[in-house]
Amino acid sequence: MTDEALFEFLHMEIVSHVYKEQQASKGEMDNKDRAACVSVLEGMGFRVGQGLIERLTRDSPSFKDELDIMKFICKDYWTKVFRRQVDNLRTNHQVSSRW
């Protein structure tokens, strides 16, 4: 419980800092400035997620196919990040041809 609260406070402060930095340099923010802030935050999230995946897969053998990747994400990664199992996973092996 404490870990979650600390993470949420850190997240709020990072988001606040990014928006304050943008506002301090420009004054009034428009949609373009907000989009720049979202882009910065998305980049941070991507790097954190990539680092987490690299850390969790460091000692595991390489994946054979896409199914092994999905199993890892749903069983190991999801429970580490969200502390619960995936609610519902459905696969569709049918190929639809519309041509």
C-alpha atoms as a PDB file:
ATOM      1  CA  MET A   1       0.000   0.000   0.000  1.00  0.00           C
ATOM      2  CA  THR A   2       2.808   2.400   0.863  1.00  0.00           C
ATOM      3  CA  ASP A   3       4.602   1.661  -2.407  1.00  0.00           C
ATOM      4  CA  GLU A   4       1.491   2.555  -4.393  1.00  0.00           C
ATOM      5  CA  ALA A   5       1.039   5.854  -2.577  1.00  0.00           C
ATOM      6  CA  LEU A   6       4.674   6.809  -3.103  1.00  0.00           C
ATOM      7  CA  PHE A   7       4.448   5.973  -6.787  1.00  0.00           C
ATOM      8  CA  GLU A   8       1.272   8.012  -7.191  1.00  0.00           C
ATOM      9  CA  PHE A   9       2.827  11.035  -5.473  1.00  0.00           C
ATOM     10  CA  LEU A  10       5.942  10.728  -7.636  1.00  0.00           C
ATOM     11  CA  HIS A  11       3.767  10.479 -10.747  1.00  0.00           C
ATOM     12  CA  MET A  12       1.787  13.590  -9.779  1.00  0.00           C
ATOM     13  CA  GLU A  13       4.973  15.557  -9.160  1.00  0.00           C
ATOM     14  CA  ILE A  14       6.541  14.516 -12.476  1.00  0.00           C
ATOM     15  CA  VAL A  15       3.427  15.532 -14.417  1.00  0.00           C
ATOM     16  CA  SER A  16       3.226  18.813 -12.503  1.00  0.00           C
ATOM     17  CA  HIS A  17       6.917  19.527 -13.111  1.00  0.00           C
ATOM     18  CA  VAL A  18       6.674  18.925 -16.864  1.00  0.00           C
ATOM     19  CA  TYR A  19       3.682  21.243 -17.204  1.00  0.00           C
ATOM     20  CA  LYS A  20       5.237  23.941 -14.972  1.00  0.00           C
ATOM     21  CA  GLU A  21       8.480  23.873 -16.993  1.00  0.00           C
ATOM     22  CA  GLN A  22       6.541  24.357 -20.215  1.00  0.00           C
ATOM     23  CA  GLN A  23       4.400  27.112 -18.733  1.00  0.00           C
ATOM     24  CA  ALA A  24       7.404  28.941 -17.248  1.00  0.00           C
ATOM     25  CA  SER A  25       9.124  29.122 -20.613  1.00  0.00           C
ATOM     26  CA  LYS A  26       6.049  30.187 -22.594  1.00  0.00           C
ATOM     27  CA  GLY A  27       3.663  31.795 -20.146  1.00  0.00           C
ATOM     28  CA  GLU A  28       0.234  30.868 -21.430  1.00  0.00           C
ATOM     29  CA  MET A  29      -0.104  27.318 -22.776  1.00  0.00           C
ATOM     30  CA  ASP A  30      -1.956  26.447 -25.960  1.00  0.00           C
ATOM     31  CA  ASN A  31      -2.817  23.046 -27.442  1.00  0.00           C
ATOM     32  CA  LYS A  32       0.607  22.752 -29.067  1.00  0.00           C
ATOM     33  CA  ASP A  33       2.332  23.252 -25.701  1.00  0.00           C
ATOM     34  CA  ARG A  34       0.058  20.696 -24.052  1.00  0.00           C
ATOM     35  CA  ALA A  35       0.844  18.231 -26.838  1.00  0.00           C
ATOM     36  CA  ALA A  36       4.557  18.791 -26.196  1.00  0.00           C
ATOM     37  CA  CYS A  37       4.032  17.998 -22.501  1.00  0.00           C
ATOM     38  CA  VAL A  38       2.123  14.836 -23.359  1.00  0.00           C
ATOM     39  CA  SER A  39       4.914  13.837 -25.722  1.00  0.00           C
ATOM     40  CA  VAL A  40       7.533  14.306 -22.986  1.00  0.00           C
ATOM     41  CA  LEU A  41       5.475  12.240 -20.537  1.00  0.00           C
ATOM     42  CA  GLU A  42       4.887   9.500 -23.115  1.00  0.00           C
ATOM     43  CA  GLY A  43       8.619   9.335 -23.757  1.00  0.00           C
ATOM     44  CA  MET A  44       9.287   8.945 -20.043  1.00  0.00           C
ATOM     45  CA  GLY A  45       6.672   6.214 -19.791  1.00  0.00           C
ATOM     46  CA  PHE A  46       8.128   4.380 -22.772  1.00  0.00           C
ATOM     47  CA  ARG A  47      11.624   4.442 -21.281  1.00  0.00           C
ATOM     48  CA  VAL A  48      10.404   3.254 -17.874  1.00  0.00           C
ATOM     49  CA  GLY A  49       8.381   0.439 -19.451  1.00  0.00           C
ATOM     50  CA  GLN A  50      11.289  -0.607 -21.622  1.00  0.00           C
ATOM     51  CA  GLY A  51      13.622  -0.682 -18.629  1.00  0.00           C
ATOM     52  CA  LEU A  52      11.126  -2.715 -16.620  1.00  0.00           C
ATOM     53  CA  ILE A  53      10.725  -5.265 -19.415  1.00  0.00           C
ATOM     54  CA  GLU A  54      14.501  -5.539 -19.801  1.00  0.00           C
ATOM     55  CA  ARG A  55      14.918  -6.099 -16.071  1.00  0.00           C
ATOM     56  CA  LEU A  56      12.147  -8.724 -15.883  1.00  0.00           C
ATOM     57  CA  THR A  57      13.377 -10.660 -18.927  1.00  0.00           C
ATOM     58  CA  ARG A  58      17.086 -10.524 -18.147  1.00  0.00           C
ATOM     59  CA  ASP A  59      17.279 -14.059 -16.711  1.00  0.00           C
ATOM     60  CA  SER A  60      14.595 -15.703 -18.834  1.00  0.00           C
ATOM     61  CA  PRO A  61      15.249 -17.538 -22.105  1.00  0.00           C
ATOM     62  CA  SER A  62      14.279 -15.816 -25.332  1.00  0.00           C
ATOM     63  CA  PHE A  63      10.703 -16.170 -26.501  1.00  0.00           C
ATOM     64  CA  LYS A  64       9.943 -18.656 -29.277  1.00  0.00           C
ATOM     65  CA  ASP A  65       6.892 -16.973 -30.763  1.00  0.00           C
ATOM     66  CA  GLU A  66       4.196 -14.364 -30.174  1.00  0.00           C
ATOM     67  CA  LEU A  67       2.216 -16.706 -27.930  1.00  0.00           C
ATOM     68  CA  ASP A  68       5.147 -16.952 -25.497  1.00  0.00           C
ATOM     69  CA  ILE A  69       5.371 -13.155 -25.453  1.00  0.00           C
ATOM     70  CA  MET A  70       1.662 -12.819 -24.678  1.00  0.00           C
ATOM     71  CA  LYS A  71       1.916 -15.415 -21.915  1.00  0.00           C
ATOM     72  CA  PHE A  72       4.809 -13.514 -20.347  1.00  0.00           C
ATOM     73  CA  ILE A  73       2.947 -10.201 -20.528  1.00  0.00           C
ATOM     74  CA  CYS A  74      -0.269 -11.620 -19.104  1.00  0.00           C
ATOM     75  CA  LYS A  75       1.229 -13.778 -16.363  1.00  0.00           C
ATOM     76  CA  ASP A  76       4.476 -12.170 -15.236  1.00  0.00           C
ATOM     77  CA  TYR A  77       4.565  -8.556 -16.406  1.00  0.00           C
ATOM     78  CA  TRP A  78       0.922  -7.721 -15.664  1.00  0.00           C
ATOM     79  CA  THR A  79       1.057  -9.096 -12.123  1.00  0.00           C
ATOM     80  CA  LYS A  80       4.299  -7.218 -11.378  1.00  0.00           C
ATOM     81  CA  VAL A  81       2.920  -3.904 -12.629  1.00  0.00           C
ATOM     82  CA  PHE A  82      -0.740  -4.043 -11.547  1.00  0.00           C
ATOM     83  CA  ARG A  83      -0.521  -6.609  -8.715  1.00  0.00           C
ATOM     84  CA  ARG A  84      -3.407  -8.612 -10.127  1.00  0.00           C
ATOM     85  CA  GLN A  85      -3.984 -11.008 -12.984  1.00  0.00           C
ATOM     86  CA  VAL A  86      -5.345 -10.039 -16.385  1.00  0.00           C
ATOM     87  CA  ASP A  87      -9.142  -9.923 -16.190  1.00  0.00           C
ATOM     88  CA  ASN A  88      -9.960 -11.379 -19.567  1.00  0.00           C
ATOM     89  CA  LEU A  89      -7.761 -12.455 -22.437  1.00  0.00           C
ATOM     90  CA  ARG A  90      -9.259 -13.574 -25.708  1.00  0.00           C
ATOM     91  CA  THR A  91      -7.458 -14.782 -28.770  1.00  0.00           C
ATOM     92  CA  ASN A  92      -8.847 -14.930 -32.248  1.00  0.00           C
ATOM     93  CA  HIS A  93      -7.071 -17.336 -34.536  1.00  0.00           C
ATOM     94  CA  GLN A  94      -9.419 -16.750 -37.464  1.00  0.00           C
ATOM     95  CA  VAL A  95      -8.140 -14.874 -40.476  1.00  0.00           C
ATOM     96  CA  SER A  96     -10.782 -12.805 -42.187  1.00  0.00           C
ATOM     97  CA  SER A  97     -10.426 -12.114 -45.852  1.00  0.00           C
ATOM     98  CA  ARG A  98     -12.467  -9.261 -47.247  1.00  0.00           C
ATOM     99  CA  TRP A  99     -10.847  -9.141 -50.654  1.00  0.00           C
END
